[in-house]
Amino acid sequence: MLRYAIIFLIIAIVAGIFGFGGIAGTSAGIAKILFFVFLVLFAISFVLKFIKR
């Protein structure tokens, strides 16, 4: 999931450089959402792994 967030971030940067503002904004928004979902899932798995030990 982190890989997809980085891919969308790169798409947003490239689209911003070439002047495609709508695509850049959408891609940046998707990248943010995926990054926060990754953080939540990482925190949940960390806590569950800690509880099992």
C-alpha atoms as a PDB file:
ATOM      1  CA  MET A   1       0.000   0.000   0.000  1.00  0.00           C
ATOM      2  CA  LEU A   2       2.880   2.324   0.713  1.00  0.00           C
ATOM      3  CA  ARG A   3       4.131   1.598  -2.801  1.00  0.00           C
ATOM      4  CA  TYR A   4       0.839   2.824  -4.280  1.00  0.00           C
ATOM      5  CA  ALA A   5       0.970   5.978  -2.179  1.00  0.00           C
ATOM      6  CA  ILE A   6       4.467   6.733  -3.487  1.00  0.00           C
ATOM      7  CA  ILE A   7       3.378   6.024  -7.075  1.00  0.00           C
ATOM      8  CA  PHE A   8       0.447   8.441  -6.784  1.00  0.00           C
ATOM      9  CA  LEU A   9       2.740  11.036  -5.205  1.00  0.00           C
ATOM     10  CA  ILE A  10       5.126  10.751  -8.160  1.00  0.00           C
ATOM     11  CA  ILE A  11       2.199  11.042 -10.581  1.00  0.00           C
ATOM     12  CA  ALA A  12       1.061  14.186  -8.749  1.00  0.00           C
ATOM     13  CA  ILE A  13       4.542  15.728  -8.935  1.00  0.00           C
ATOM     14  CA  VAL A  14       4.943  14.956 -12.650  1.00  0.00           C
ATOM     15  CA  ALA A  15       1.431  16.212 -13.437  1.00  0.00           C
ATOM     16  CA  GLY A  16       2.140  19.391 -11.472  1.00  0.00           C
ATOM     17  CA  ILE A  17       5.354  19.998 -13.384  1.00  0.00           C
ATOM     18  CA  PHE A  18       3.557  19.671 -16.722  1.00  0.00           C
ATOM     19  CA  GLY A  19       0.679  21.893 -15.608  1.00  0.00           C
ATOM     20  CA  PHE A  20      -2.124  19.380 -15.148  1.00  0.00           C
ATOM     21  CA  GLY A  21      -3.521  20.823 -11.933  1.00  0.00           C
ATOM     22  CA  GLY A  22      -6.637  18.667 -11.683  1.00  0.00           C
ATOM     23  CA  ILE A  23      -4.777  15.420 -12.109  1.00  0.00           C
ATOM     24  CA  ALA A  24      -2.056  16.569  -9.722  1.00  0.00           C
ATOM     25  CA  GLY A  25      -4.562  17.473  -7.018  1.00  0.00           C
ATOM     26  CA  THR A  26      -6.465  14.227  -7.376  1.00  0.00           C
ATOM     27  CA  SER A  27      -3.308  12.132  -7.310  1.00  0.00           C
ATOM     28  CA  ALA A  28      -2.019  13.983  -4.252  1.00  0.00           C
ATOM     29  CA  GLY A  29      -5.317  13.381  -2.480  1.00  0.00           C
ATOM     30  CA  ILE A  30      -5.226   9.670  -3.265  1.00  0.00           C
ATOM     31  CA  ALA A  31      -1.614   9.494  -2.095  1.00  0.00           C
ATOM     32  CA  LYS A  32      -2.565  11.111   1.234  1.00  0.00           C
ATOM     33  CA  ILE A  33      -5.456   8.731   1.787  1.00  0.00           C
ATOM     34  CA  LEU A  34      -3.352   5.664   0.973  1.00  0.00           C
ATOM     35  CA  PHE A  35      -0.552   6.853   3.230  1.00  0.00           C
ATOM     36  CA  PHE A  36      -2.868   7.320   6.206  1.00  0.00           C
ATOM     37  CA  VAL A  37      -4.517   3.944   5.590  1.00  0.00           C
ATOM     38  CA  PHE A  38      -1.020   2.423   5.531  1.00  0.00           C
ATOM     39  CA  LEU A  39      -0.173   4.101   8.843  1.00  0.00           C
ATOM     40  CA  VAL A  40      -3.358   2.840  10.499  1.00  0.00           C
ATOM     41  CA  LEU A  41      -2.829  -0.723   9.276  1.00  0.00           C
ATOM     42  CA  PHE A  42       0.816  -0.609  10.347  1.00  0.00           C
ATOM     43  CA  ALA A  43      -0.138   0.590  13.827  1.00  0.00           C
ATOM     44  CA  ILE A  44      -2.810  -2.105  14.172  1.00  0.00           C
ATOM     45  CA  SER A  45      -0.437  -4.866  13.097  1.00  0.00           C
ATOM     46  CA  PHE A  46       2.262  -3.542  15.441  1.00  0.00           C
ATOM     47  CA  VAL A  47      -0.115  -3.536  18.411  1.00  0.00           C
ATOM     48  CA  LEU A  48      -1.449  -7.012  17.608  1.00  0.00           C
ATOM     49  CA  LYS A  49       2.056  -8.384  17.250  1.00  0.00           C
ATOM     50  CA  PHE A  50       3.028  -6.798  20.584  1.00  0.00           C
ATOM     51  CA  ILE A  51      -0.033  -8.265  22.320  1.00  0.00           C
ATOM     52  CA  LYS A  52       0.637 -11.787  21.011  1.00  0.00           C
ATOM     53  CA  ARG A  53       4.132 -11.810  22.542  1.00  0.00           C
END
